[in-house]
Amino acid sequence: MPIEQVKAKLLSSGYSSIIKIEVDDGHYDGEGIKNGQKMKFDLDPKTGEILGEVPE
């Protein structure tokens, strides 16, 4: 899934801002703001689904 589609999916999942997205070991990981809190996330590269997210 292209980065722009991944960003759009994150924004529709409650993120108000995406700080960074990187490809790492076959998946996307990055940081963003969700509900006013900085979060780290891991995403499936094919579907853009959030595999995990934790507060930073």
Protein backbone atom coordinates (compact mmCIF):
# COMPACT_ATOMS: atom_id res chain seq x y z
CA MET A 1 0.00 0.00 0.00
CA PRO A 2 1.46 3.41 -0.94
CA ILE A 3 2.46 5.78 1.87
CA GLU A 4 -0.23 8.33 0.96
CA GLN A 5 -2.95 5.69 1.35
CA VAL A 6 -1.41 4.58 4.66
CA LYS A 7 -1.48 8.18 5.92
CA ALA A 8 -5.13 8.55 4.89
CA LYS A 9 -6.01 5.31 6.69
CA LEU A 10 -4.24 6.49 9.87
CA LEU A 11 -6.07 9.81 9.76
CA SER A 12 -9.39 8.01 9.40
CA SER A 13 -8.42 5.81 12.39
CA GLY A 14 -8.22 8.78 14.74
CA TYR A 15 -4.75 10.19 14.16
CA SER A 16 -4.76 13.97 13.84
CA SER A 17 -1.15 14.19 12.66
CA ILE A 18 1.44 11.78 11.25
CA ILE A 19 4.97 12.68 12.34
CA LYS A 20 6.88 9.96 10.47
CA ILE A 21 6.44 6.64 8.69
CA GLU A 22 9.31 4.29 7.82
CA VAL A 23 9.56 0.84 6.24
CA ASP A 24 11.24 -1.53 8.70
CA ASP A 25 11.62 -5.31 8.34
CA GLY A 26 8.69 -5.68 5.96
CA HIS A 27 6.22 -3.44 7.79
CA TYR A 28 5.59 0.24 8.31
CA ASP A 29 6.33 1.86 11.65
CA GLY A 30 6.10 5.44 12.71
CA GLU A 31 4.82 8.09 15.06
CA GLY A 32 1.76 10.27 15.14
CA ILE A 33 -0.67 12.15 17.35
CA LYS A 34 -3.89 10.38 18.38
CA ASN A 35 -6.33 11.84 20.91
CA GLY A 36 -3.76 14.51 21.79
CA GLN A 37 -1.08 11.94 22.68
CA LYS A 38 2.09 11.03 20.78
CA MET A 39 1.88 7.38 19.71
CA LYS A 40 4.19 4.85 18.04
CA PHE A 41 2.55 2.42 15.62
CA ASP A 42 3.25 -0.62 13.44
CA LEU A 43 1.25 -1.23 10.26
CA ASP A 44 0.72 -4.07 7.81
CA PRO A 45 2.33 -2.90 4.53
CA LYS A 46 -0.30 -4.56 2.32
CA THR A 47 -3.50 -3.51 4.10
CA GLY A 48 -2.42 -0.51 6.18
CA GLU A 49 -4.09 -2.10 9.23
CA ILE A 50 -2.64 -1.08 12.60
CA LEU A 51 -0.79 -4.09 14.05
CA GLY A 52 0.08 -2.32 17.29
CA GLU A 53 0.30 1.10 18.86
CA VAL A 54 1.71 2.35 22.14
CA PRO A 55 1.99 5.77 23.78
CA GLU A 56 5.41 7.33 23.53
